[in-house]
Amino acid sequence: ALQRLVRLWTKATDILAGVFDVSAAKYRAELFYESWLILRKPAGRIRIRRIMNKACLKRLVNICANFRRLENSIHKYRPLRIMFKCFQRWLKYVEYNYQHVSKDLKTSVRRRHELRG
């Protein structure tokens, strides 16, 4: 009867140990999941920050490349720019003349000049 009691006792302890192992595994899984949820946001922020920094650097490199291209080809654009500025000044001059100078001013000035001397 003592051996039967020992076997029953060992069987019961084995079952309890198995139940304890299963519950410990479930607890570890829950703990891992909760920890994962807590750590996921900062990790996501770090990843997003890394992606944003990479995009920012890419944009700056593109801007620098555009400036370099402009700098290398400025000798083509300078004469065109000068001609365009001269054209704009001439248009302003013509506009000013049409706004502020009367049509008969030239003839009246010439007539006064002739009468004077």
PDB file of N, CA and C in Angstrom:
ATOM      1  N   ALA A   1       0.823  -1.188   0.000  1.00  0.00           N
ATOM      2  CA  ALA A   1       0.000   0.000   0.000  1.00  0.00           C
ATOM      3  C   ALA A   1       0.869   1.254   0.000  1.00  0.00           C
ATOM      4  N   LEU A   2       2.030   1.156   0.616  1.00  0.00           N
ATOM      5  CA  LEU A   2       2.927   2.307   0.642  1.00  0.00           C
ATOM      6  C   LEU A   2       3.467   2.608  -0.747  1.00  0.00           C
ATOM      7  N   GLN A   3       3.779   1.581  -1.493  1.00  0.00           N
ATOM      8  CA  GLN A   3       4.277   1.796  -2.869  1.00  0.00           C
ATOM      9  C   GLN A   3       3.195   2.413  -3.742  1.00  0.00           C
ATOM     10  N   ARG A   4       1.979   1.958  -3.514  1.00  0.00           N
ATOM     11  CA  ARG A   4       0.855   2.511  -4.274  1.00  0.00           C
ATOM     12  C   ARG A   4       0.687   3.998  -3.932  1.00  0.00           C
ATOM     13  N   LEU A   5       0.824   4.326  -2.726  1.00  0.00           N
ATOM     14  CA  LEU A   5       0.720   5.706  -2.282  1.00  0.00           C
ATOM     15  C   LEU A   5       1.863   6.536  -2.857  1.00  0.00           C
ATOM     16  N   VAL A   6       3.063   5.976  -2.916  1.00  0.00           N
ATOM     17  CA  VAL A   6       4.224   6.687  -3.475  1.00  0.00           C
ATOM     18  C   VAL A   6       4.007   6.926  -4.963  1.00  0.00           C
ATOM     19  N   ARG A   7       3.529   5.875  -5.687  1.00  0.00           N
ATOM     20  CA  ARG A   7       3.253   6.040  -7.124  1.00  0.00           C
ATOM     21  C   ARG A   7       2.179   7.109  -7.353  1.00  0.00           C
ATOM     22  N   LEU A   8       1.142   7.065  -6.550  1.00  0.00           N
ATOM     23  CA  LEU A   8       0.073   8.056  -6.661  1.00  0.00           C
ATOM     24  C   LEU A   8       0.625   9.462  -6.379  1.00  0.00           C
ATOM     25  N   TRP A   9       1.471   9.538  -5.372  1.00  0.00           N
ATOM     26  CA  TRP A   9       2.087  10.819  -5.029  1.00  0.00           C
ATOM     27  C   TRP A   9       2.981  11.329  -6.153  1.00  0.00           C
ATOM     28  N   THR A  10       3.809  10.492  -6.737  1.00  0.00           N
ATOM     29  CA  THR A  10       4.689  10.899  -7.839  1.00  0.00           C
ATOM     30  C   THR A  10       3.874  11.283  -9.076  1.00  0.00           C
ATOM     31  N   LYS A  11       2.808  10.486  -9.341  1.00  0.00           N
ATOM     32  CA  LYS A  11       1.953  10.808 -10.479  1.00  0.00           C
ATOM     33  C   LYS A  11       1.293  12.180 -10.270  1.00  0.00           C
ATOM     34  N   ALA A  12       0.819  12.443  -9.081  1.00  0.00           N
ATOM     35  CA  ALA A  12       0.179  13.719  -8.772  1.00  0.00           C
ATOM     36  C   ALA A  12       1.182  14.865  -8.887  1.00  0.00           C
ATOM     37  N   THR A  13       2.407  14.659  -8.383  1.00  0.00           N
ATOM     38  CA  THR A  13       3.420  15.717  -8.482  1.00  0.00           C
ATOM     39  C   THR A  13       3.823  15.941  -9.934  1.00  0.00           C
ATOM     40  N   ASP A  14       3.886  14.851 -10.730  1.00  0.00           N
ATOM     41  CA  ASP A  14       4.190  15.013 -12.159  1.00  0.00           C
ATOM     42  C   ASP A  14       3.099  15.820 -12.866  1.00  0.00           C
ATOM     43  N   ILE A  15       1.858  15.514 -12.541  1.00  0.00           N
ATOM     44  CA  ILE A  15       0.743  16.254 -13.148  1.00  0.00           C
ATOM     45  C   ILE A  15       0.796  17.713 -12.724  1.00  0.00           C
ATOM     46  N   LEU A  16       1.025  17.939 -11.435  1.00  0.00           N
ATOM     47  CA  LEU A  16       1.104  19.319 -10.947  1.00  0.00           C
ATOM     48  C   LEU A  16       2.294  20.060 -11.562  1.00  0.00           C
ATOM     49  N   ALA A  17       3.406  19.356 -11.719  1.00  0.00           N
ATOM     50  CA  ALA A  17       4.575  19.977 -12.354  1.00  0.00           C
ATOM     51  C   ALA A  17       4.256  20.328 -13.802  1.00  0.00           C
ATOM     52  N   GLY A  18       3.551  19.433 -14.518  1.00  0.00           N
ATOM     53  CA  GLY A  18       3.154  19.720 -15.899  1.00  0.00           C
ATOM     54  C   GLY A  18       2.231  20.919 -15.985  1.00  0.00           C
ATOM     55  N   VAL A  19       1.248  20.953 -15.049  1.00  0.00           N
ATOM     56  CA  VAL A  19       0.331  22.103 -15.019  1.00  0.00           C
ATOM     57  C   VAL A  19       1.117  23.383 -14.730  1.00  0.00           C
ATOM     58  N   PHE A  20       2.035  23.314 -13.800  1.00  0.00           N
ATOM     59  CA  PHE A  20       2.849  24.476 -13.470  1.00  0.00           C
ATOM     60  C   PHE A  20       3.684  24.911 -14.672  1.00  0.00           C
ATOM     61  N   ASP A  21       4.272  23.940 -15.393  1.00  0.00           N
ATOM     62  CA  ASP A  21       5.069  24.264 -16.580  1.00  0.00           C
ATOM     63  C   ASP A  21       4.210  24.942 -17.654  1.00  0.00           C
ATOM     64  N   VAL A  22       2.999  24.402 -17.867  1.00  0.00           N
ATOM     65  CA  VAL A  22       2.100  24.991 -18.872  1.00  0.00           C
ATOM     66  C   VAL A  22       1.703  26.411 -18.463  1.00  0.00           C
ATOM     67  N   SER A  23       1.357  26.584 -17.183  1.00  0.00           N
ATOM     68  CA  SER A  23       0.969  27.923 -16.732  1.00  0.00           C
ATOM     69  C   SER A  23       2.160  28.878 -16.784  1.00  0.00           C
ATOM     70  N   ALA A  24       3.352  28.405 -16.473  1.00  0.00           N
ATOM     71  CA  ALA A  24       4.543  29.264 -16.556  1.00  0.00           C
ATOM     72  C   ALA A  24       4.818  29.650 -18.008  1.00  0.00           C
ATOM     73  N   ALA A  25       4.624  28.692 -18.940  1.00  0.00           N
ATOM     74  CA  ALA A  25       4.830  28.996 -20.349  1.00  0.00           C
ATOM     75  C   ALA A  25       3.810  30.026 -20.835  1.00  0.00           C
ATOM     76  N   LYS A  26       2.530  29.874 -20.401  1.00  0.00           N
ATOM     77  CA  LYS A  26       1.516  30.856 -20.786  1.00  0.00           C
ATOM     78  C   LYS A  26       1.841  32.233 -20.201  1.00  0.00           C
ATOM     79  N   TYR A  27       2.316  32.252 -18.963  1.00  0.00           N
ATOM     80  CA  TYR A  27       2.676  33.515 -18.333  1.00  0.00           C
ATOM     81  C   TYR A  27       3.835  34.178 -19.076  1.00  0.00           C
ATOM     82  N   ARG A  28       4.850  33.366 -19.452  1.00  0.00           N
ATOM     83  CA  ARG A  28       5.979  33.911 -20.200  1.00  0.00           C
ATOM     84  C   ARG A  28       5.531  34.452 -21.553  1.00  0.00           C
ATOM     85  N   ALA A  29       4.601  33.728 -22.216  1.00  0.00           N
ATOM     86  CA  ALA A  29       4.092  34.200 -23.510  1.00  0.00           C
ATOM     87  C   ALA A  29       3.346  35.520 -23.347  1.00  0.00           C
ATOM     88  N   GLU A  30       2.515  35.631 -22.310  1.00  0.00           N
ATOM     89  CA  GLU A  30       1.794  36.879 -22.059  1.00  0.00           C
ATOM     90  C   GLU A  30       2.755  38.008 -21.725  1.00  0.00           C
ATOM     91  N   LEU A  31       3.751  37.690 -20.900  1.00  0.00           N
ATOM     92  CA  LEU A  31       4.738  38.689 -20.530  1.00  0.00           C
ATOM     93  C   LEU A  31       5.513  39.165 -21.759  1.00  0.00           C
ATOM     94  N   PHE A  32       5.883  38.204 -22.615  1.00  0.00           N
ATOM     95  CA  PHE A  32       6.595  38.565 -23.844  1.00  0.00           C
ATOM     96  C   PHE A  32       5.725  39.456 -24.721  1.00  0.00           C
ATOM     97  N   TYR A  33       4.444  39.106 -24.875  1.00  0.00           N
ATOM     98  CA  TYR A  33       3.544  39.879 -25.726  1.00  0.00           C
ATOM     99  C   TYR A  33       3.351  41.297 -25.184  1.00  0.00           C
ATOM    100  N   GLU A  34       3.156  41.399 -23.865  1.00  0.00           N
ATOM    101  CA  GLU A  34       2.999  42.724 -23.258  1.00  0.00           C
ATOM    102  C   GLU A  34       4.276  43.542 -23.399  1.00  0.00           C
ATOM    103  N   SER A  35       5.414  42.903 -23.199  1.00  0.00           N
ATOM    104  CA  SER A  35       6.687  43.613 -23.368  1.00  0.00           C
ATOM    105  C   SER A  35       6.861  44.053 -24.812  1.00  0.00           C
ATOM    106  N   TRP A  36       6.477  43.174 -25.729  1.00  0.00           N
ATOM    107  CA  TRP A  36       6.570  43.499 -27.150  1.00  0.00           C
ATOM    108  C   TRP A  36       5.697  44.718 -27.479  1.00  0.00           C
ATOM    109  N   LEU A  37       4.474  44.747 -26.930  1.00  0.00           N
ATOM    110  CA  LEU A  37       3.597  45.884 -27.181  1.00  0.00           C
ATOM    111  C   LEU A  37       4.182  47.177 -26.619  1.00  0.00           C
ATOM    112  N   ILE A  38       4.816  47.074 -25.454  1.00  0.00           N
ATOM    113  CA  ILE A  38       5.400  48.257 -24.824  1.00  0.00           C
ATOM    114  C   ILE A  38       6.619  48.752 -25.608  1.00  0.00           C
ATOM    115  N   LEU A  39       7.448  47.821 -26.091  1.00  0.00           N
ATOM    116  CA  LEU A  39       8.687  48.202 -26.778  1.00  0.00           C
ATOM    117  C   LEU A  39       8.486  48.502 -28.262  1.00  0.00           C
ATOM    118  N   ARG A  40       7.323  48.134 -28.808  1.00  0.00           N
ATOM    119  CA  ARG A  40       7.106  48.292 -30.248  1.00  0.00           C
ATOM    120  C   ARG A  40       7.053  49.758 -30.654  1.00  0.00           C
ATOM    121  N   LYS A  41       6.418  50.598 -29.845  1.00  0.00           N
ATOM    122  CA  LYS A  41       6.277  52.013 -30.200  1.00  0.00           C
ATOM    123  C   LYS A  41       7.623  52.735 -30.260  1.00  0.00           C
ATOM    124  N   PRO A  42       8.478  52.620 -29.237  1.00  0.00           N
ATOM    125  CA  PRO A  42       9.782  53.291 -29.352  1.00  0.00           C
ATOM    126  C   PRO A  42      10.620  52.746 -30.507  1.00  0.00           C
ATOM    127  N   ALA A  43      10.535  51.435 -30.725  1.00  0.00           N
ATOM    128  CA  ALA A  43      11.291  50.866 -31.846  1.00  0.00           C
ATOM    129  C   ALA A  43      10.762  51.407 -33.163  1.00  0.00           C
ATOM    130  N   GLY A  44       9.444  51.541 -33.260  1.00  0.00           N
ATOM    131  CA  GLY A  44       8.857  52.117 -34.472  1.00  0.00           C
ATOM    132  C   GLY A  44       9.277  53.555 -34.664  1.00  0.00           C
ATOM    133  N   ARG A  45       9.327  54.312 -33.562  1.00  0.00           N
ATOM    134  CA  ARG A  45       9.768  55.704 -33.652  1.00  0.00           C
ATOM    135  C   ARG A  45      11.211  55.793 -34.133  1.00  0.00           C
ATOM    136  N   ILE A  46      12.041  54.913 -33.615  1.00  0.00           N
ATOM    137  CA  ILE A  46      13.453  54.910 -34.032  1.00  0.00           C
ATOM    138  C   ILE A  46      13.542  54.592 -35.520  1.00  0.00           C
ATOM    139  N   ARG A  47      12.765  53.623 -35.968  1.00  0.00           N
ATOM    140  CA  ARG A  47      12.787  53.238 -37.381  1.00  0.00           C
ATOM    141  C   ARG A  47      12.278  54.384 -38.260  1.00  0.00           C
ATOM    142  N   ILE A  48      11.195  55.011 -37.821  1.00  0.00           N
ATOM    143  CA  ILE A  48      10.649  56.134 -38.587  1.00  0.00           C
ATOM    144  C   ILE A  48      11.655  57.274 -38.638  1.00  0.00           C
ATOM    145  N   ARG A  49      12.306  57.559 -37.511  1.00  0.00           N
ATOM    146  CA  ARG A  49      13.315  58.619 -37.484  1.00  0.00           C
ATOM    147  C   ARG A  49      14.458  58.302 -38.447  1.00  0.00           C
ATOM    148  N   ARG A  50      14.865  57.042 -38.482  1.00  0.00           N
ATOM    149  CA  ARG A  50      15.935  56.638 -39.394  1.00  0.00           C
ATOM    150  C   ARG A  50      15.503  56.840 -40.847  1.00  0.00           C
ATOM    151  N   ILE A  51      14.261  56.459 -41.163  1.00  0.00           N
ATOM    152  CA  ILE A  51      13.746  56.620 -42.527  1.00  0.00           C
ATOM    153  C   ILE A  51      13.667  58.099 -42.887  1.00  0.00           C
ATOM    154  N   MET A  52      13.199  58.926 -41.925  1.00  0.00           N
ATOM    155  CA  MET A  52      13.082  60.363 -42.190  1.00  0.00           C
ATOM    156  C   MET A  52      14.457  60.992 -42.386  1.00  0.00           C
ATOM    157  N   ASN A  53      15.430  60.596 -41.584  1.00  0.00           N
ATOM    158  CA  ASN A  53      16.787  61.125 -41.747  1.00  0.00           C
ATOM    159  C   ASN A  53      17.343  60.743 -43.112  1.00  0.00           C
ATOM    160  N   LYS A  54      17.085  59.513 -43.513  1.00  0.00           N
ATOM    161  CA  LYS A  54      17.570  59.055 -44.816  1.00  0.00           C
ATOM    162  C   LYS A  54      16.924  59.860 -45.936  1.00  0.00           C
ATOM    163  N   ALA A  55      15.611  60.108 -45.821  1.00  0.00           N
ATOM    164  CA  ALA A  55      14.910  60.897 -46.834  1.00  0.00           C
ATOM    165  C   ALA A  55      15.427  62.331 -46.855  1.00  0.00           C
ATOM    166  N   CYS A  56      15.682  62.891 -45.675  1.00  0.00           N
ATOM    167  CA  CYS A  56      16.200  64.256 -45.587  1.00  0.00           C
ATOM    168  C   CYS A  56      17.571  64.350 -46.247  1.00  0.00           C
ATOM    169  N   LEU A  57      18.447  63.392 -45.950  1.00  0.00           N
ATOM    170  CA  LEU A  57      19.777  63.381 -46.565  1.00  0.00           C
ATOM    171  C   LEU A  57      19.676  63.220 -48.080  1.00  0.00           C
ATOM    172  N   LYS A  58      18.760  62.364 -48.527  1.00  0.00           N
ATOM    173  CA  LYS A  58      18.568  62.168 -49.960  1.00  0.00           C
ATOM    174  C   LYS A  58      18.137  63.466 -50.632  1.00  0.00           C
ATOM    175  N   ARG A  59      17.196  64.176 -49.995  1.00  0.00           N
ATOM    176  CA  ARG A  59      16.718  65.444 -50.534  1.00  0.00           C
ATOM    177  C   ARG A  59      17.849  66.471 -50.587  1.00  0.00           C
ATOM    178  N   LEU A  60      18.662  66.540 -49.525  1.00  0.00           N
ATOM    179  CA  LEU A  60      19.773  67.489 -49.511  1.00  0.00           C
ATOM    180  C   LEU A  60      20.805  67.164 -50.585  1.00  0.00           C
ATOM    181  N   VAL A  61      21.069  65.875 -50.795  1.00  0.00           N
ATOM    182  CA  VAL A  61      22.010  65.474 -51.842  1.00  0.00           C
ATOM    183  C   VAL A  61      21.468  65.873 -53.207  1.00  0.00           C
ATOM    184  N   ASN A  62      20.156  65.704 -53.420  1.00  0.00           N
ATOM    185  CA  ASN A  62      19.558  66.118 -54.696  1.00  0.00           C
ATOM    186  C   ASN A  62      19.680  67.621 -54.896  1.00  0.00           C
ATOM    187  N   ILE A  63      19.451  68.394 -53.833  1.00  0.00           N
ATOM    188  CA  ILE A  63      19.580  69.851 -53.932  1.00  0.00           C
ATOM    189  C   ILE A  63      21.015  70.234 -54.278  1.00  0.00           C
ATOM    190  N   CYS A  64      21.971  69.590 -53.606  1.00  0.00           N
ATOM    191  CA  CYS A  64      23.384  69.880 -53.884  1.00  0.00           C
ATOM    192  C   CYS A  64      23.744  69.512 -55.327  1.00  0.00           C
ATOM    193  N   ALA A  65      23.215  68.393 -55.800  1.00  0.00           N
ATOM    194  CA  ALA A  65      23.492  67.981 -57.177  1.00  0.00           C
ATOM    195  C   ALA A  65      22.907  68.990 -58.161  1.00  0.00           C
ATOM    196  N   ASN A  66      21.699  69.484 -57.865  1.00  0.00           N
ATOM    197  CA  ASN A  66      21.099  70.501 -58.744  1.00  0.00           C
ATOM    198  C   ASN A  66      21.940  71.778 -58.756  1.00  0.00           C
ATOM    199  N   PHE A  67      22.396  72.210 -57.577  1.00  0.00           N
ATOM    200  CA  PHE A  67      23.248  73.401 -57.522  1.00  0.00           C
ATOM    201  C   PHE A  67      24.551  73.180 -58.278  1.00  0.00           C
ATOM    202  N   ARG A  68      25.118  71.982 -58.151  1.00  0.00           N
ATOM    203  CA  ARG A  68      26.364  71.679 -58.865  1.00  0.00           C
ATOM    204  C   ARG A  68      26.142  71.744 -60.373  1.00  0.00           C
ATOM    205  N   ARG A  69      24.997  71.185 -60.839  1.00  0.00           N
ATOM    206  CA  ARG A  69      24.696  71.235 -62.272  1.00  0.00           C
ATOM    207  C   ARG A  69      24.535  72.675 -62.750  1.00  0.00           C
ATOM    208  N   LEU A  70      23.838  73.484 -61.932  1.00  0.00           N
ATOM    209  CA  LEU A  70      23.682  74.896 -62.306  1.00  0.00           C
ATOM    210  C   LEU A  70      25.027  75.613 -62.347  1.00  0.00           C
ATOM    211  N   GLU A  71      25.858  75.323 -61.354  1.00  0.00           N
ATOM    212  CA  GLU A  71      27.153  75.968 -61.291  1.00  0.00           C
ATOM    213  C   GLU A  71      28.021  75.585 -62.482  1.00  0.00           C
ATOM    214  N   ASN A  72      27.933  74.324 -62.888  1.00  0.00           N
ATOM    215  CA  ASN A  72      28.730  73.867 -64.024  1.00  0.00           C
ATOM    216  C   ASN A  72      28.228  74.441 -65.344  1.00  0.00           C
ATOM    217  N   SER A  73      26.945  74.778 -65.423  1.00  0.00           N
ATOM    218  CA  SER A  73      26.404  75.271 -66.691  1.00  0.00           C
ATOM    219  C   SER A  73      26.060  76.754 -66.637  1.00  0.00           C
ATOM    220  N   ILE A  74      26.585  77.473 -65.652  1.00  0.00           N
ATOM    221  CA  ILE A  74      26.248  78.889 -65.503  1.00  0.00           C
ATOM    222  C   ILE A  74      26.787  79.693 -66.669  1.00  0.00           C
ATOM    223  N   HIS A  75      27.871  79.248 -67.300  1.00  0.00           N
ATOM    224  CA  HIS A  75      28.439  79.990 -68.421  1.00  0.00           C
ATOM    225  C   HIS A  75      27.465  80.038 -69.595  1.00  0.00           C
ATOM    226  N   LYS A  76      26.546  79.095 -69.679  1.00  0.00           N
ATOM    227  CA  LYS A  76      25.534  79.120 -70.742  1.00  0.00           C
ATOM    228  C   LYS A  76      24.431  80.116 -70.420  1.00  0.00           C
ATOM    229  N   TYR A  77      24.084  80.222 -69.141  1.00  0.00           N
ATOM    230  CA  TYR A  77      22.923  81.004 -68.754  1.00  0.00           C
ATOM    231  C   TYR A  77      23.222  82.476 -68.535  1.00  0.00           C
ATOM    232  N   ARG A  78      24.452  82.846 -68.258  1.00  0.00           N
ATOM    233  CA  ARG A  78      24.765  84.233 -67.937  1.00  0.00           C
ATOM    234  C   ARG A  78      24.476  85.172 -69.098  1.00  0.00           C
ATOM    235  N   PRO A  79      24.931  84.888 -70.318  1.00  0.00           N
ATOM    236  CA  PRO A  79      24.595  85.793 -71.424  1.00  0.00           C
ATOM    237  C   PRO A  79      23.087  85.892 -71.659  1.00  0.00           C
ATOM    238  N   LEU A  80      22.383  84.783 -71.527  1.00  0.00           N
ATOM    239  CA  LEU A  80      20.931  84.819 -71.692  1.00  0.00           C
ATOM    240  C   LEU A  80      20.283  85.680 -70.616  1.00  0.00           C
ATOM    241  N   ARG A  81      20.796  85.569 -69.395  1.00  0.00           N
ATOM    242  CA  ARG A  81      20.248  86.364 -68.307  1.00  0.00           C
ATOM    243  C   ARG A  81      20.487  87.855 -68.543  1.00  0.00           C
ATOM    244  N   ILE A  82      21.681  88.183 -69.017  1.00  0.00           N
ATOM    245  CA  ILE A  82      21.998  89.587 -69.283  1.00  0.00           C
ATOM    246  C   ILE A  82      21.088  90.124 -70.384  1.00  0.00           C
ATOM    247  N   MET A  83      20.905  89.345 -71.453  1.00  0.00           N
ATOM    248  CA  MET A  83      20.006  89.786 -72.524  1.00  0.00           C
ATOM    249  C   MET A  83      18.579  89.954 -72.011  1.00  0.00           C
ATOM    250  N   PHE A  84      18.136  89.045 -71.175  1.00  0.00           N
ATOM    251  CA  PHE A  84      16.779  89.121 -70.643  1.00  0.00           C
ATOM    252  C   PHE A  84      16.613  90.355 -69.770  1.00  0.00           C
ATOM    253  N   LYS A  85      17.618  90.652 -68.926  1.00  0.00           N
ATOM    254  CA  LYS A  85      17.556  91.835 -68.073  1.00  0.00           C
ATOM    255  C   LYS A  85      17.525  93.105 -68.925  1.00  0.00           C
ATOM    256  N   CYS A  86      18.342  93.140 -69.971  1.00  0.00           N
ATOM    257  CA  CYS A  86      18.333  94.310 -70.854  1.00  0.00           C
ATOM    258  C   CYS A  86      16.973  94.464 -71.524  1.00  0.00           C
ATOM    259  N   PHE A  87      16.408  93.368 -71.953  1.00  0.00           N
ATOM    260  CA  PHE A  87      15.089  93.409 -72.580  1.00  0.00           C
ATOM    261  C   PHE A  87      14.040  93.920 -71.595  1.00  0.00           C
ATOM    262  N   GLN A  88      14.110  93.451 -70.346  1.00  0.00           N
ATOM    263  CA  GLN A  88      13.161  93.924 -69.335  1.00  0.00           C
ATOM    264  C   GLN A  88      13.322  95.414 -69.079  1.00  0.00           C
ATOM    265  N   ARG A  89      14.558  95.915 -69.029  1.00  0.00           N
ATOM    266  CA  ARG A  89      14.793  97.343 -68.810  1.00  0.00           C
ATOM    267  C   ARG A  89      14.254  98.166 -69.980  1.00  0.00           C
ATOM    268  N   TRP A  90      14.476  97.655 -71.189  1.00  0.00           N
ATOM    269  CA  TRP A  90      13.971  98.355 -72.363  1.00  0.00           C
ATOM    270  C   TRP A  90      12.443  98.431 -72.325  1.00  0.00           C
ATOM    271  N   LEU A  91      11.793  97.304 -71.915  1.00  0.00           N
ATOM    272  CA  LEU A  91      10.328  97.319 -71.813  1.00  0.00           C
ATOM    273  C   LEU A  91       9.857  98.325 -70.770  1.00  0.00           C
ATOM    274  N   LYS A  92      10.569  98.413 -69.644  1.00  0.00           N
ATOM    275  CA  LYS A  92      10.215  99.401 -68.624  1.00  0.00           C
ATOM    276  C   LYS A  92      10.381 100.824 -69.156  1.00  0.00           C
ATOM    277  N   TYR A  93      11.441 101.031 -69.932  1.00  0.00           N
ATOM    278  CA  TYR A  93      11.680 102.346 -70.521  1.00  0.00           C
ATOM    279  C   TYR A  93      10.554 102.711 -71.477  1.00  0.00           C
ATOM    280  N   VAL A  94      10.160 101.770 -72.316  1.00  0.00           N
ATOM    281  CA  VAL A  94       9.072 102.015 -73.260  1.00  0.00           C
ATOM    282  C   VAL A  94       7.775 102.278 -72.514  1.00  0.00           C
ATOM    283  N   GLU A  95       7.503 101.496 -71.485  1.00  0.00           N
ATOM    284  CA  GLU A  95       6.291 101.696 -70.693  1.00  0.00           C
ATOM    285  C   GLU A  95       6.291 103.085 -70.040  1.00  0.00           C
ATOM    286  N   TYR A  96       7.442 103.479 -69.500  1.00  0.00           N
ATOM    287  CA  TYR A  96       7.548 104.796 -68.874  1.00  0.00           C
ATOM    288  C   TYR A  96       7.284 105.894 -69.899  1.00  0.00           C
ATOM    289  N   ASN A  97       7.881 105.752 -71.073  1.00  0.00           N
ATOM    290  CA  ASN A  97       7.680 106.763 -72.116  1.00  0.00           C
ATOM    291  C   ASN A  97       6.215 106.870 -72.503  1.00  0.00           C
ATOM    292  N   TYR A  98       5.542 105.749 -72.638  1.00  0.00           N
ATOM    293  CA  TYR A  98       4.130 105.795 -73.011  1.00  0.00           C
ATOM    294  C   TYR A  98       3.266 106.379 -71.901  1.00  0.00           C
ATOM    295  N   GLN A  99       3.686 106.192 -70.652  1.00  0.00           N
ATOM    296  CA  GLN A  99       2.884 106.698 -69.538  1.00  0.00           C
ATOM    297  C   GLN A  99       3.143 108.170 -69.251  1.00  0.00           C
ATOM    298  N   HIS A 100       4.394 108.604 -69.328  1.00  0.00           N
ATOM    299  CA  HIS A 100       4.757 109.922 -68.830  1.00  0.00           C
ATOM    300  C   HIS A 100       5.134 110.946 -69.899  1.00  0.00           C
ATOM    301  N   VAL A 101       5.412 110.519 -71.078  1.00  0.00           N
ATOM    302  CA  VAL A 101       5.839 111.455 -72.104  1.00  0.00           C
ATOM    303  C   VAL A 101       4.684 111.647 -73.085  1.00  0.00           C
ATOM    304  N   SER A 102       4.346 112.914 -73.339  1.00  0.00           N
ATOM    305  CA  SER A 102       3.250 113.164 -74.280  1.00  0.00           C
ATOM    306  C   SER A 102       3.754 113.007 -75.712  1.00  0.00           C
ATOM    307  N   LYS A 103       2.840 112.877 -76.643  1.00  0.00           N
ATOM    308  CA  LYS A 103       3.222 112.634 -78.031  1.00  0.00           C
ATOM    309  C   LYS A 103       3.797 113.889 -78.681  1.00  0.00           C
ATOM    310  N   ASP A 104       3.328 115.040 -78.244  1.00  0.00           N
ATOM    311  CA  ASP A 104       3.768 116.289 -78.859  1.00  0.00           C
ATOM    312  C   ASP A 104       4.969 116.907 -78.168  1.00  0.00           C
ATOM    313  N   LEU A 105       5.504 116.239 -77.157  1.00  0.00           N
ATOM    314  CA  LEU A 105       6.616 116.816 -76.392  1.00  0.00           C
ATOM    315  C   LEU A 105       7.834 116.999 -77.277  1.00  0.00           C
ATOM    316  N   LYS A 106       8.136 116.036 -78.111  1.00  0.00           N
ATOM    317  CA  LYS A 106       9.329 116.092 -78.942  1.00  0.00           C
ATOM    318  C   LYS A 106       9.248 117.268 -79.917  1.00  0.00           C
ATOM    319  N   THR A 107       8.102 117.406 -80.528  1.00  0.00           N
ATOM    320  CA  THR A 107       7.967 118.505 -81.493  1.00  0.00           C
ATOM    321  C   THR A 107       7.991 119.856 -80.800  1.00  0.00           C
ATOM    322  N   SER A 108       7.356 119.939 -79.616  1.00  0.00           N
ATOM    323  CA  SER A 108       7.360 121.222 -78.910  1.00  0.00           C
ATOM    324  C   SER A 108       8.760 121.579 -78.419  1.00  0.00           C
ATOM    325  N   VAL A 109       9.522 120.607 -77.975  1.00  0.00           N
ATOM    326  CA  VAL A 109      10.896 120.873 -77.523  1.00  0.00           C
ATOM    327  C   VAL A 109      11.745 121.293 -78.707  1.00  0.00           C
ATOM    328  N   ARG A 110      11.575 120.640 -79.837  1.00  0.00           N
ATOM    329  CA  ARG A 110      12.345 120.980 -81.031  1.00  0.00           C
ATOM    330  C   ARG A 110      11.972 122.404 -81.507  1.00  0.00           C
ATOM    331  N   ARG A 111      10.710 122.766 -81.467  1.00  0.00           N
ATOM    332  CA  ARG A 111      10.256 124.088 -81.885  1.00  0.00           C
ATOM    333  C   ARG A 111      10.833 125.180 -80.969  1.00  0.00           C
ATOM    334  N   ARG A 112      10.790 124.913 -79.651  1.00  0.00           N
ATOM    335  CA  ARG A 112      11.376 125.864 -78.686  1.00  0.00           C
ATOM    336  C   ARG A 112      12.859 126.045 -78.942  1.00  0.00           C
ATOM    337  N   HIS A 113      13.535 124.930 -79.252  1.00  0.00           N
ATOM    338  CA  HIS A 113      14.969 124.980 -79.497  1.00  0.00           C
ATOM    339  C   HIS A 113      15.267 125.820 -80.753  1.00  0.00           C
ATOM    340  N   GLU A 114      14.435 125.670 -81.764  1.00  0.00           N
ATOM    341  CA  GLU A 114      14.629 126.432 -82.982  1.00  0.00           C
ATOM    342  C   GLU A 114      14.342 127.918 -82.766  1.00  0.00           C
ATOM    343  N   LEU A 115      13.304 128.203 -81.979  1.00  0.00           N
ATOM    344  CA  LEU A 115      12.983 129.601 -81.703  1.00  0.00           C
ATOM    345  C   LEU A 115      14.052 130.286 -80.864  1.00  0.00           C
ATOM    346  N   ARG A 116      14.688 129.546 -80.056  1.00  0.00           N
ATOM    347  CA  ARG A 116      15.705 130.080 -79.155  1.00  0.00           C
ATOM    348  C   ARG A 116      16.943 130.476 -79.919  1.00  0.00           C
ATOM    349  N   GLY A 117      17.248 129.625 -80.821  1.00  0.00           N
ATOM    350  CA  GLY A 117      18.459 130.079 -81.420  1.00  0.00           C
ATOM    351  C   GLY A 117      18.960 129.271 -82.482  1.00  0.00           C
TER     352      GLY A 117
END
